[in-house]
Amino acid sequence: MGAVTCRIVKHDGGWAYEVNGTYSEKFSTREAARKAARLAACEQVTPGETTSISCEDERGQADGRDGPKTTVEG
């Protein structure tokens, strides 16, 4: 699977993280948005019990084998 980048941005009078044009809920501080983005990114790659997940790439393709490589910017 490809890579996913969570970008911390100003949004709707507060802060949010954005992934491929989709925004998270609004946070009052940049740090709160950053923490939420890190948590969301970690949940995509947490080791443990193997389960099938579906992550679509930019072409809408999903292989169900593994989560994407994730990063947080901002």
N, C-alpha and C. Protein backbone atom coordinates (compact mmCIF):
# COMPACT_ATOMS: atom_id res chain seq x y z
N MET A 1 0.86 -1.17 0.00
CA MET A 1 0.00 0.00 0.00
C MET A 1 0.90 1.22 0.00
N GLY A 2 0.36 2.33 -0.38
CA GLY A 2 1.10 3.57 -0.52
C GLY A 2 1.34 4.28 0.80
N ALA A 3 1.50 5.57 0.69
CA ALA A 3 1.79 6.40 1.85
C ALA A 3 0.64 7.38 2.08
N VAL A 4 0.42 7.70 3.35
CA VAL A 4 -0.60 8.67 3.73
C VAL A 4 0.07 9.73 4.58
N THR A 5 -0.17 11.00 4.25
CA THR A 5 0.39 12.09 5.03
C THR A 5 -0.74 12.89 5.66
N CYS A 6 -0.66 13.04 6.98
CA CYS A 6 -1.61 13.89 7.72
C CYS A 6 -0.95 15.25 7.86
N ARG A 7 -1.58 16.29 7.33
CA ARG A 7 -1.04 17.64 7.42
C ARG A 7 -1.84 18.45 8.43
N ILE A 8 -1.15 19.13 9.32
CA ILE A 8 -1.79 19.97 10.32
C ILE A 8 -2.03 21.33 9.67
N VAL A 9 -3.29 21.77 9.68
CA VAL A 9 -3.67 23.01 8.99
C VAL A 9 -4.67 23.81 9.82
N LYS A 10 -4.72 25.12 9.56
CA LYS A 10 -5.78 25.95 10.14
C LYS A 10 -7.06 25.58 9.41
N HIS A 11 -8.15 25.43 10.18
CA HIS A 11 -9.40 25.02 9.55
C HIS A 11 -10.58 25.43 10.42
N ASP A 12 -11.56 26.09 9.84
CA ASP A 12 -12.83 26.40 10.50
C ASP A 12 -12.64 27.12 11.84
N GLY A 13 -11.70 28.06 11.88
CA GLY A 13 -11.48 28.83 13.10
C GLY A 13 -10.65 28.11 14.16
N GLY A 14 -10.04 27.00 13.81
CA GLY A 14 -9.19 26.25 14.74
C GLY A 14 -8.12 25.52 13.96
N TRP A 15 -7.81 24.31 14.40
CA TRP A 15 -6.80 23.49 13.77
C TRP A 15 -7.39 22.11 13.46
N ALA A 16 -6.90 21.49 12.42
CA ALA A 16 -7.35 20.15 12.03
C ALA A 16 -6.19 19.44 11.36
N TYR A 17 -6.37 18.16 11.13
CA TYR A 17 -5.43 17.48 10.24
C TYR A 17 -6.19 17.10 8.97
N GLU A 18 -5.48 17.17 7.87
CA GLU A 18 -6.08 16.93 6.55
C GLU A 18 -5.35 15.77 5.89
N VAL A 19 -6.12 14.88 5.30
CA VAL A 19 -5.58 13.75 4.54
C VAL A 19 -6.32 13.68 3.22
N ASN A 20 -5.60 13.86 2.14
CA ASN A 20 -6.19 13.76 0.79
C ASN A 20 -7.47 14.59 0.64
N GLY A 21 -7.46 15.82 1.17
CA GLY A 21 -8.61 16.71 1.01
C GLY A 21 -9.73 16.53 2.02
N THR A 22 -9.57 15.60 2.95
CA THR A 22 -10.57 15.38 3.98
C THR A 22 -10.02 15.88 5.32
N TYR A 23 -10.84 16.65 6.04
CA TYR A 23 -10.41 17.26 7.29
C TYR A 23 -10.97 16.52 8.50
N SER A 24 -10.17 16.51 9.55
CA SER A 24 -10.63 15.96 10.83
C SER A 24 -11.58 16.96 11.48
N GLU A 25 -12.05 16.62 12.66
CA GLU A 25 -12.80 17.58 13.45
C GLU A 25 -11.87 18.74 13.83
N LYS A 26 -12.44 19.83 14.28
CA LYS A 26 -11.67 21.02 14.65
C LYS A 26 -11.11 20.84 16.06
N PHE A 27 -9.87 21.28 16.25
CA PHE A 27 -9.21 21.28 17.55
C PHE A 27 -8.86 22.72 17.90
N SER A 28 -8.83 23.03 19.18
CA SER A 28 -8.58 24.41 19.60
C SER A 28 -7.12 24.82 19.46
N THR A 29 -6.20 23.85 19.49
CA THR A 29 -4.77 24.18 19.36
C THR A 29 -4.12 23.31 18.30
N ARG A 30 -3.02 23.83 17.78
CA ARG A 30 -2.24 23.07 16.79
C ARG A 30 -1.73 21.77 17.42
N GLU A 31 -1.28 21.84 18.66
CA GLU A 31 -0.74 20.65 19.33
C GLU A 31 -1.81 19.58 19.50
N ALA A 32 -3.03 19.96 19.82
CA ALA A 32 -4.11 18.97 19.96
C ALA A 32 -4.38 18.29 18.62
N ALA A 33 -4.36 19.06 17.53
CA ALA A 33 -4.55 18.48 16.20
C ALA A 33 -3.40 17.55 15.85
N ARG A 34 -2.19 17.93 16.20
CA ARG A 34 -1.01 17.11 15.94
C ARG A 34 -1.10 15.78 16.69
N LYS A 35 -1.49 15.83 17.96
CA LYS A 35 -1.63 14.60 18.75
C LYS A 35 -2.68 13.67 18.15
N ALA A 36 -3.80 14.24 17.72
CA ALA A 36 -4.86 13.43 17.12
C ALA A 36 -4.38 12.81 15.80
N ALA A 37 -3.63 13.57 15.02
CA ALA A 37 -3.10 13.05 13.76
C ALA A 37 -2.11 11.92 14.00
N ARG A 38 -1.26 12.08 15.01
CA ARG A 38 -0.31 11.01 15.33
C ARG A 38 -1.04 9.74 15.76
N LEU A 39 -2.08 9.90 16.57
CA LEU A 39 -2.87 8.75 17.00
C LEU A 39 -3.52 8.06 15.81
N ALA A 40 -4.11 8.85 14.93
CA ALA A 40 -4.75 8.27 13.74
C ALA A 40 -3.72 7.57 12.86
N ALA A 41 -2.54 8.16 12.72
CA ALA A 41 -1.49 7.55 11.91
C ALA A 41 -1.01 6.25 12.53
N CYS A 42 -0.82 6.24 13.85
CA CYS A 42 -0.36 5.04 14.54
C CYS A 42 -1.36 3.90 14.43
N GLU A 43 -2.63 4.22 14.43
CA GLU A 43 -3.65 3.18 14.34
C GLU A 43 -3.62 2.47 13.00
N GLN A 44 -3.04 3.09 11.99
CA GLN A 44 -2.94 2.46 10.68
C GLN A 44 -1.83 1.42 10.62
N VAL A 45 -0.85 1.51 11.53
CA VAL A 45 0.32 0.65 11.44
C VAL A 45 0.62 -0.11 12.73
N THR A 46 -0.27 -0.10 13.71
CA THR A 46 -0.02 -0.77 14.97
C THR A 46 0.13 -2.26 14.77
N PRO A 47 1.26 -2.84 15.22
CA PRO A 47 1.42 -4.28 15.08
C PRO A 47 0.50 -5.02 16.04
N GLY A 48 0.23 -6.25 15.73
CA GLY A 48 -0.62 -7.05 16.60
C GLY A 48 -1.30 -8.12 15.78
N GLU A 49 -2.51 -8.42 16.17
CA GLU A 49 -3.27 -9.45 15.46
C GLU A 49 -3.45 -9.05 14.00
N THR A 50 -3.18 -9.98 13.11
CA THR A 50 -3.34 -9.71 11.69
C THR A 50 -4.81 -9.74 11.31
N THR A 51 -5.25 -8.64 10.75
CA THR A 51 -6.62 -8.56 10.25
C THR A 51 -6.59 -7.95 8.87
N SER A 52 -7.58 -8.22 8.11
CA SER A 52 -7.65 -7.67 6.77
C SER A 52 -8.30 -6.29 6.84
N ILE A 53 -7.61 -5.28 6.31
CA ILE A 53 -8.17 -3.94 6.26
C ILE A 53 -8.17 -3.48 4.82
N SER A 54 -8.96 -2.50 4.53
CA SER A 54 -9.05 -2.01 3.16
C SER A 54 -8.69 -0.53 3.13
N CYS A 55 -7.60 -0.20 2.47
CA CYS A 55 -7.16 1.18 2.31
C CYS A 55 -7.06 1.46 0.83
N GLU A 56 -7.79 2.46 0.37
CA GLU A 56 -7.75 2.81 -1.04
C GLU A 56 -6.63 3.79 -1.34
N ASP A 57 -5.98 3.57 -2.47
CA ASP A 57 -4.98 4.53 -2.91
C ASP A 57 -5.68 5.63 -3.73
N GLU A 58 -4.88 6.55 -4.29
CA GLU A 58 -5.47 7.67 -5.01
C GLU A 58 -6.26 7.25 -6.25
N ARG A 59 -6.08 6.03 -6.73
CA ARG A 59 -6.84 5.51 -7.88
C ARG A 59 -8.08 4.73 -7.44
N GLY A 60 -8.32 4.65 -6.12
CA GLY A 60 -9.47 3.91 -5.62
C GLY A 60 -9.24 2.42 -5.53
N GLN A 61 -7.98 2.01 -5.60
CA GLN A 61 -7.63 0.59 -5.52
C GLN A 61 -7.34 0.21 -4.07
N ALA A 62 -7.79 -0.95 -3.65
CA ALA A 62 -7.53 -1.44 -2.30
C ALA A 62 -7.04 -2.87 -2.40
N ASP A 63 -5.97 -3.19 -1.65
CA ASP A 63 -5.48 -4.56 -1.71
C ASP A 63 -5.80 -5.35 -0.45
N GLY A 64 -6.15 -4.70 0.66
CA GLY A 64 -6.55 -5.39 1.87
C GLY A 64 -5.44 -6.13 2.59
N ARG A 65 -4.19 -5.96 2.17
CA ARG A 65 -3.09 -6.69 2.79
C ARG A 65 -2.45 -5.94 3.96
N ASP A 66 -2.35 -4.66 3.85
CA ASP A 66 -1.60 -3.92 4.86
C ASP A 66 -2.04 -2.47 4.84
N GLY A 67 -1.84 -1.80 5.96
CA GLY A 67 -2.15 -0.38 6.02
C GLY A 67 -1.07 0.43 5.34
N PRO A 68 -1.34 1.69 5.10
CA PRO A 68 -0.37 2.55 4.42
C PRO A 68 0.76 2.99 5.36
N LYS A 69 1.85 3.44 4.79
CA LYS A 69 2.90 4.09 5.55
C LYS A 69 2.37 5.49 5.87
N THR A 70 2.44 5.91 7.11
CA THR A 70 1.83 7.18 7.49
C THR A 70 2.88 8.15 8.04
N THR A 71 2.66 9.44 7.79
CA THR A 71 3.50 10.50 8.34
C THR A 71 2.59 11.66 8.76
N VAL A 72 3.10 12.47 9.68
CA VAL A 72 2.40 13.68 10.12
C VAL A 72 3.30 14.86 9.85
N GLU A 73 2.78 15.85 9.16
CA GLU A 73 3.52 17.08 8.85
C GLU A 73 2.83 18.28 9.46
N GLY A 74 3.64 19.17 10.04
CA GLY A 74 3.07 20.41 10.54
C GLY A 74 3.08 20.54 11.98
